[in-house]
Amino acid sequence: MDYGIVEQRIFLQDSNEKRNLEEFLKKEGIKLDKNLDYTMGIYDAGKIIATGSFYKNTLKCLAVSSEHQGLGILNKVVSHLLNEQYARGYTHIFLYTKCNTAEFFSYLGFNEITRVDNLVVFMENKPHGIQSYAKELSKQKVKGHRVASIVMNANPFTLGHLHLIEKAANENDAVHVFIVSEEASVIPFKIRYELIKRGTQHLKNIIFHKAGDYIISNATFPSYFIKDDKNVWKHMPG
């Protein structure tokens, strides 16, 4: 059955390869994500029949042509990507997939974190990853009638960010500030984190957190599933 089938990397710097991939994904209702570290394809007689990509430790743009579904080809795509991920040192893997394929990935050891009905499912390969993350956060729980939280990238930390934190601190007993830790910004996380801490040291009711893998940034949001740009902004985190 594998005669004539080739599994290989796709180099998006090649305009022809990129155009062919975009056309293939479009037929499957997926938009090629702009943030990708690695992309592969499976070809039959020179024609692409399946593909998958990843950005850091998140699998993206997974698709199999409608004519080749149910033949175990998606399993080949995922295995290829996971092997490449492990070779790069990633063991905690996330993926975005359409709602109708989430069950398939559960058989491969992925667990649902959350979903937007009829749009996308967010999954991970750790059985209790999100629960463990929540448990760690609970250790920093503070007492108070009014507790607020803010998620920010602060690239860079500005007076606008400071005003937001000060306002929240004045209106609440405690404020949890989650700083996006993904290294997709001009200013590295460690510097952004330190600038925010120093800039708010006069406030005594602030609890700082490294956002980790579960606070989604624009770089990892699966906009390729959303055809209407207005919907991208509707679902985009602030």
Foldseek 3Di string as FASTA:
>chain_A
DCVQKDKFWQDCVPVVSVVLLQVQLVVVQFGDAPAFDTKMFIDHNNHTAWIWTDHQQEIESGDGHPVPPPVCVSVVRVVVVVVVNVVVPDDKHKYKDAPVCVVVVVVVQWDWDDDDPRFITIIINDPCVVVVVVVVVVVVDDDWPFEEEEEDQPLPPDVVNVVVVVVSLVVTQAYEYEHEQDQPGPDHRVVRQVVVCVSCVVRDRYHYDHNPDPPDAPNPDRCRRPPDVVVCVVPHDD
